[in-house]
Amino acid sequence: MKEYRLSQQTAIVGFDTLESNHLTQAKSAVIRGIAAATALEPLIPVIEKGESAVFKDHLAKLTQNVKGLGKKEAKAIEKETAASLKGDGVLEEVPALIACDMNYETAGVKIMEYRSDETEYRRVVESIRAEILEDGKPSAESLCLLWLFRETFLISELFSSTEQVAVKQRIGEASTENECYRMLFEAEFHSVFNSFSSSFLKTKKNLFQNPYLEGVNLLFPFLERRSAIFIDLVVLGSTVKSRREAVLCYLAERGHYAQEVKNGPETLLLIDNSYYRIFPMTKAYYKIPVQGVNLVPAYV
């Protein structure tokens, strides 16, 4: 099984579910993350040795360059990275899930999105979750990847709100042991506009205060990457189970991988690599009631 570089791991998780033919805010953040990962990877030995004076200069240059990334450079990074992962068979372009929404489908709008290979996606995600949440000292690569995921608005995709408390503690511990980690997690390259355009920071600000050190910024930025989808689907004599089965069939016909997944007492839908809750719903279109189901992103 191929071992992917830091930049490729960032892309495998970050590109998944993002529109492939438009440069959205979410994709711009991921591309900046790929650029940062490319520059950060050679510095991992410096971090491990705790050479803070050397790391400080490189980190300052890294964040400055990433923040100044232009659209032309961003598109070139996306093209090169996507082509490499497609060549390995771990990334593909498929009809976007949002294209199943009634508004898009009836308008005939064609939207494509990236979909990462499920096995590789889960391998990257479960590896960092295990290193950060379980006992033992996390590797430098995992902590670097955690920082990259923070800056690319992926934290909420990987860790529940409860788990994020443990993540915060792990970052604080690493920062007390190694000055390089303290500097790393103080550094930011994400867009301030993206961060503060979301109410997430306003409600979660106090949750991520650093209990160990003064001055270490542990705010986890958040940017909505997925939207709710309304499917105009009527199931006669419908039950919760029959509605889910109808939606699974509907999505499969449109090229999406969909299955039921138990999450405690509830059942979620795992669509491609993302989780959704399903709710029956009636919407009015031109004053005509339309029955269907709403798929709402779930962060578990």
Protein backbone atom coordinates (compact mmCIF):
# COMPACT_ATOMS: atom_id res chain seq x y z
CA MET A 1 0.00 0.00 0.00
CA LYS A 2 1.46 3.35 -1.05
CA GLU A 3 2.48 5.84 1.61
CA TYR A 4 1.34 9.32 0.68
CA ARG A 5 3.18 12.54 1.44
CA LEU A 6 1.79 15.16 3.81
CA SER A 7 0.48 17.26 0.91
CA GLN A 8 -1.22 14.25 -0.68
CA GLN A 9 -2.88 13.23 2.59
CA THR A 10 -4.17 16.78 2.93
CA ALA A 11 -5.58 16.59 -0.59
CA ILE A 12 -7.16 13.13 -0.14
CA VAL A 13 -9.19 14.35 2.82
CA GLY A 14 -9.56 17.98 1.77
CA PHE A 15 -10.65 17.60 -1.86
CA ASP A 16 -13.33 15.02 -1.04
CA THR A 17 -16.87 16.39 -1.72
CA LEU A 18 -15.57 19.72 -3.10
CA GLU A 19 -16.63 21.01 -6.51
CA SER A 20 -13.97 20.20 -9.06
CA ASN A 21 -14.91 22.82 -11.67
CA HIS A 22 -15.18 25.89 -9.41
CA LEU A 23 -12.70 27.57 -7.08
CA THR A 24 -14.84 27.79 -3.94
CA GLN A 25 -13.72 29.21 -0.59
CA ALA A 26 -13.49 25.70 0.84
CA LYS A 27 -11.30 24.49 -2.03
CA SER A 28 -9.08 27.59 -1.83
CA ALA A 29 -8.46 26.74 1.83
CA VAL A 30 -7.51 23.16 0.93
CA ILE A 31 -5.15 24.30 -1.83
CA ARG A 32 -3.42 26.62 0.64
CA GLY A 33 -3.14 23.60 2.93
CA ILE A 34 -1.50 21.54 0.18
CA ALA A 35 1.00 24.34 -0.47
CA ALA A 36 1.74 24.60 3.27
CA ALA A 37 2.15 20.82 3.57
CA THR A 38 4.63 20.75 0.68
CA ALA A 39 6.79 23.35 2.45
CA LEU A 40 6.31 21.84 5.91
CA GLU A 41 7.25 18.25 5.10
CA PRO A 42 11.05 18.86 4.83
CA LEU A 43 10.87 20.61 8.23
CA ILE A 44 9.57 17.58 10.15
CA PRO A 45 13.12 16.48 11.20
CA VAL A 46 13.75 20.03 12.45
CA ILE A 47 10.55 19.87 14.52
CA GLU A 48 11.43 16.46 15.95
CA LYS A 49 14.84 17.75 17.07
CA GLY A 50 13.22 20.81 18.64
CA GLU A 51 15.38 23.25 16.66
CA SER A 52 13.05 26.16 17.33
CA ALA A 53 15.35 28.93 16.07
CA VAL A 54 15.69 27.28 12.65
CA PHE A 55 12.01 26.34 12.52
CA LYS A 56 10.86 29.87 13.40
CA ASP A 57 12.43 31.41 10.30
CA HIS A 58 11.14 28.69 7.95
CA LEU A 59 7.64 28.82 9.44
CA ALA A 60 7.37 32.58 9.04
CA LYS A 61 8.35 32.31 5.37
CA LEU A 62 5.97 29.37 4.86
CA THR A 63 2.89 31.15 6.22
CA GLN A 64 3.72 34.35 4.34
CA ASN A 65 4.04 32.50 1.04
CA VAL A 66 0.84 30.52 1.56
CA LYS A 67 -1.18 33.59 2.51
CA GLY A 68 0.04 35.31 -0.67
CA LEU A 69 -0.91 32.42 -2.95
CA GLY A 70 -2.60 33.76 -6.10
CA LYS A 71 -5.43 32.20 -8.12
CA LYS A 72 -3.14 31.19 -10.97
CA GLU A 73 -0.78 29.41 -8.57
CA ALA A 74 -3.70 27.83 -6.71
CA LYS A 75 -5.17 26.41 -9.91
CA ALA A 76 -1.78 25.00 -10.91
CA ILE A 77 -1.42 23.30 -7.50
CA GLU A 78 -4.92 21.85 -7.79
CA LYS A 79 -4.31 20.56 -11.32
CA GLU A 80 -0.98 18.95 -10.45
CA THR A 81 -2.18 17.38 -7.19
CA ALA A 82 -5.46 16.10 -8.62
CA ALA A 83 -3.70 14.62 -11.65
CA SER A 84 -1.23 12.78 -9.42
CA LEU A 85 -3.95 11.30 -7.19
CA LYS A 86 -6.13 10.41 -10.16
CA GLY A 87 -3.16 8.60 -11.64
CA ASP A 88 -2.93 6.52 -8.46
CA GLY A 89 -6.67 5.80 -8.61
CA VAL A 90 -7.45 7.45 -5.28
CA LEU A 91 -9.31 10.50 -6.62
CA GLU A 92 -12.03 10.82 -9.22
CA GLU A 93 -14.56 13.35 -10.49
CA VAL A 94 -18.23 12.39 -10.15
CA PRO A 95 -21.60 14.20 -10.36
CA ALA A 96 -21.90 16.32 -7.20
CA LEU A 97 -24.32 15.22 -4.52
CA ILE A 98 -25.88 18.69 -4.51
CA ALA A 99 -26.86 18.06 -8.14
CA CYS A 100 -29.44 15.62 -6.72
CA ASP A 101 -31.19 18.54 -5.02
CA MET A 102 -34.52 19.33 -6.65
CA ASN A 103 -33.52 22.90 -7.53
CA TYR A 104 -30.43 21.76 -9.40
CA GLU A 105 -31.87 18.63 -10.99
CA THR A 106 -34.95 20.35 -12.41
CA ALA A 107 -32.77 23.16 -13.78
CA GLY A 108 -30.48 20.65 -15.49
CA VAL A 109 -27.41 22.10 -13.79
CA LYS A 110 -24.37 19.83 -14.05
CA ILE A 111 -21.94 20.05 -11.16
CA MET A 112 -18.94 17.79 -10.69
CA GLU A 113 -17.07 17.13 -7.46
CA TYR A 114 -14.02 15.25 -6.26
CA ARG A 115 -14.47 11.91 -4.55
CA SER A 116 -11.58 10.26 -2.73
CA ASP A 117 -11.12 6.52 -2.59
CA GLU A 118 -12.94 5.33 0.52
CA THR A 119 -10.12 3.06 1.71
CA GLU A 120 -7.43 5.74 1.45
CA TYR A 121 -9.70 8.42 2.89
CA ARG A 122 -10.49 6.26 5.93
CA ARG A 123 -6.84 5.27 6.32
CA VAL A 124 -5.72 8.90 6.61
CA VAL A 125 -8.62 9.87 8.88
CA GLU A 126 -8.42 6.88 11.22
CA SER A 127 -4.64 7.16 11.47
CA ILE A 128 -4.69 10.74 12.71
CA ARG A 129 -7.68 10.07 14.97
CA ALA A 130 -5.85 7.15 16.59
CA GLU A 131 -2.64 9.14 17.08
CA ILE A 132 -4.38 12.17 18.55
CA LEU A 133 -7.14 10.56 20.62
CA GLU A 134 -5.49 7.38 21.92
CA ASP A 135 -2.77 6.98 24.55
CA GLY A 136 0.83 7.41 23.48
CA LYS A 137 2.87 10.22 21.99
CA PRO A 138 1.63 11.32 18.55
CA SER A 139 4.13 11.50 15.71
CA ALA A 140 5.38 14.80 14.31
CA GLU A 141 3.64 14.00 11.03
CA SER A 142 0.27 13.57 12.76
CA LEU A 143 0.60 16.83 14.67
CA CYS A 144 1.60 18.63 11.48
CA LEU A 145 -1.38 17.10 9.70
CA LEU A 146 -3.63 18.19 12.56
CA TRP A 147 -2.42 21.77 12.12
CA LEU A 148 -3.02 21.56 8.36
CA PHE A 149 -6.53 20.20 8.89
CA ARG A 150 -7.23 23.00 11.37
CA GLU A 151 -6.17 25.61 8.84
CA THR A 152 -8.15 23.98 6.00
CA PHE A 153 -11.42 23.89 8.00
CA LEU A 154 -11.50 20.10 8.32
CA ILE A 155 -11.51 19.67 12.11
CA SER A 156 -15.30 19.34 12.32
CA GLU A 157 -15.21 16.64 9.63
CA LEU A 158 -12.75 14.53 11.63
CA PHE A 159 -13.52 15.12 15.31
CA SER A 160 -16.80 15.52 17.18
CA SER A 161 -17.29 18.55 19.44
CA THR A 162 -16.59 16.32 22.45
CA GLU A 163 -13.42 14.92 20.88
CA GLN A 164 -12.20 18.42 20.09
CA VAL A 165 -11.72 18.99 23.82
CA ALA A 166 -9.25 16.08 23.86
CA VAL A 167 -7.62 17.44 20.69
CA LYS A 168 -7.13 20.79 22.41
CA GLN A 169 -5.50 19.06 25.37
CA ARG A 170 -3.18 17.06 23.10
CA ILE A 171 -2.07 20.25 21.33
CA GLY A 172 -1.38 21.92 24.66
CA GLU A 173 0.69 18.98 25.87
CA ALA A 174 2.75 18.89 22.68
CA SER A 175 3.30 22.65 22.90
CA THR A 176 4.72 22.41 26.41
CA GLU A 177 7.13 19.63 25.40
CA ASN A 178 8.43 21.14 22.17
CA GLU A 179 8.71 24.85 21.33
CA CYS A 180 8.32 24.05 17.63
CA TYR A 181 4.78 22.77 18.18
CA ARG A 182 3.90 25.89 20.15
CA MET A 183 5.03 28.05 17.22
CA LEU A 184 3.27 25.79 14.71
CA PHE A 185 -0.11 26.00 16.41
CA GLU A 186 0.27 29.75 16.91
CA ALA A 187 0.80 30.14 13.16
CA GLU A 188 -2.15 30.65 10.81
CA PHE A 189 -2.61 30.81 7.07
CA HIS A 190 -6.40 30.41 6.80
CA SER A 191 -8.51 33.33 5.61
CA VAL A 192 -9.70 35.58 8.42
CA PHE A 193 -12.80 36.31 6.32
CA ASN A 194 -13.67 32.60 6.20
CA SER A 195 -13.19 32.21 9.92
CA PHE A 196 -15.30 35.10 11.05
CA SER A 197 -17.97 34.69 8.40
CA SER A 198 -19.06 31.67 10.43
CA SER A 199 -20.90 31.83 13.74
CA PHE A 200 -18.92 28.78 14.81
CA LEU A 201 -16.04 30.79 16.21
CA LYS A 202 -18.37 33.07 18.10
CA THR A 203 -20.01 30.16 19.90
CA LYS A 204 -16.93 28.00 20.36
CA LYS A 205 -14.31 30.62 21.19
CA ASN A 206 -14.17 29.86 24.91
CA LEU A 207 -13.99 26.13 24.32
CA PHE A 208 -10.57 26.32 22.72
CA GLN A 209 -8.68 28.51 25.15
CA ASN A 210 -5.26 27.07 25.90
CA PRO A 211 -5.09 25.72 29.47
CA TYR A 212 -1.30 25.24 29.35
CA LEU A 213 0.38 28.23 27.73
CA GLU A 214 -0.32 31.89 27.18
CA GLY A 215 -0.43 32.96 23.57
CA VAL A 216 -1.05 29.63 21.83
CA ASN A 217 -3.97 30.10 19.48
CA LEU A 218 -6.16 27.00 19.61
CA LEU A 219 -9.23 28.38 17.88
CA PHE A 220 -10.41 25.81 15.35
CA PRO A 221 -11.72 27.58 12.23
CA PHE A 222 -14.82 26.18 10.60
CA LEU A 223 -16.21 26.50 7.10
CA GLU A 224 -19.32 24.67 5.94
CA ARG A 225 -18.24 22.25 3.20
CA ARG A 226 -21.54 20.42 2.71
CA SER A 227 -25.12 21.57 2.15
CA ALA A 228 -28.52 20.07 2.93
CA ILE A 229 -30.09 18.31 -0.07
CA PHE A 230 -33.83 18.10 -0.80
CA ILE A 231 -34.89 15.16 -2.95
CA ASP A 232 -38.44 15.14 -4.31
CA LEU A 233 -39.13 11.51 -3.60
CA VAL A 234 -42.51 10.08 -2.63
CA VAL A 235 -42.71 6.60 -1.10
CA LEU A 236 -46.25 5.32 -0.81
CA GLY A 237 -47.15 3.95 2.62
CA SER A 238 -43.76 5.18 3.65
CA THR A 239 -41.94 4.24 6.82
CA VAL A 240 -38.60 5.56 8.00
CA LYS A 241 -36.92 2.40 6.72
CA SER A 242 -38.62 2.50 3.31
CA ARG A 243 -37.68 6.16 2.85
CA ARG A 244 -34.04 5.40 3.58
CA GLU A 245 -34.07 2.47 1.17
CA ALA A 246 -35.63 4.63 -1.55
CA VAL A 247 -32.99 7.33 -1.06
CA LEU A 248 -30.18 4.75 -1.15
CA CYS A 249 -31.51 3.42 -4.46
CA TYR A 250 -31.95 6.96 -5.85
CA LEU A 251 -28.37 7.94 -4.99
CA ALA A 252 -26.89 4.68 -6.28
CA GLU A 253 -28.56 5.25 -9.65
CA ARG A 254 -26.72 8.59 -9.82
CA GLY A 255 -23.30 7.10 -9.11
CA HIS A 256 -23.00 7.71 -5.37
CA TYR A 257 -21.90 5.16 -2.78
CA ALA A 258 -24.54 5.15 -0.06
CA GLN A 259 -25.19 2.89 2.90
CA GLU A 260 -26.87 2.90 6.31
CA VAL A 261 -24.58 3.28 9.33
CA LYS A 262 -25.61 2.89 12.96
CA ASN A 263 -24.56 5.73 15.24
CA GLY A 264 -25.77 4.86 18.72
CA PRO A 265 -29.59 4.85 18.70
CA GLU A 266 -29.90 6.54 15.29
CA THR A 267 -29.19 5.43 11.74
CA LEU A 268 -27.22 7.74 9.47
CA LEU A 269 -26.56 7.59 5.77
CA LEU A 270 -22.92 7.36 4.72
CA ILE A 271 -22.90 8.92 1.26
CA ASP A 272 -19.52 8.57 -0.43
CA ASN A 273 -17.29 9.58 2.54
CA SER A 274 -19.72 11.87 4.40
CA TYR A 275 -22.51 11.34 6.92
CA TYR A 276 -26.06 12.65 6.59
CA ARG A 277 -29.29 12.52 8.57
CA ILE A 278 -32.53 12.02 6.68
CA PHE A 279 -35.84 13.79 7.39
CA PRO A 280 -39.22 13.68 5.59
CA MET A 281 -40.16 17.11 4.32
CA THR A 282 -42.66 18.97 2.17
CA LYS A 283 -41.57 22.06 0.24
CA ALA A 284 -43.69 24.50 -1.73
CA TYR A 285 -42.59 25.22 -5.29
CA TYR A 286 -44.70 27.83 -7.05
CA LYS A 287 -47.31 27.27 -4.32
CA ILE A 288 -47.42 23.55 -5.15
CA PRO A 289 -46.52 21.24 -2.22
CA VAL A 290 -43.80 18.73 -3.09
CA GLN A 291 -43.13 15.76 -0.83
CA GLY A 292 -39.62 14.47 -0.38
CA VAL A 293 -36.74 13.97 2.01
CA ASN A 294 -34.09 16.30 3.30
CA LEU A 295 -30.49 15.10 3.72
CA VAL A 296 -28.74 17.17 6.38
CA PRO A 297 -24.95 16.97 6.98
CA ALA A 298 -24.09 15.13 10.19
CA TYR A 299 -20.82 15.65 12.07
CA VAL A 300 -20.18 12.61 14.23
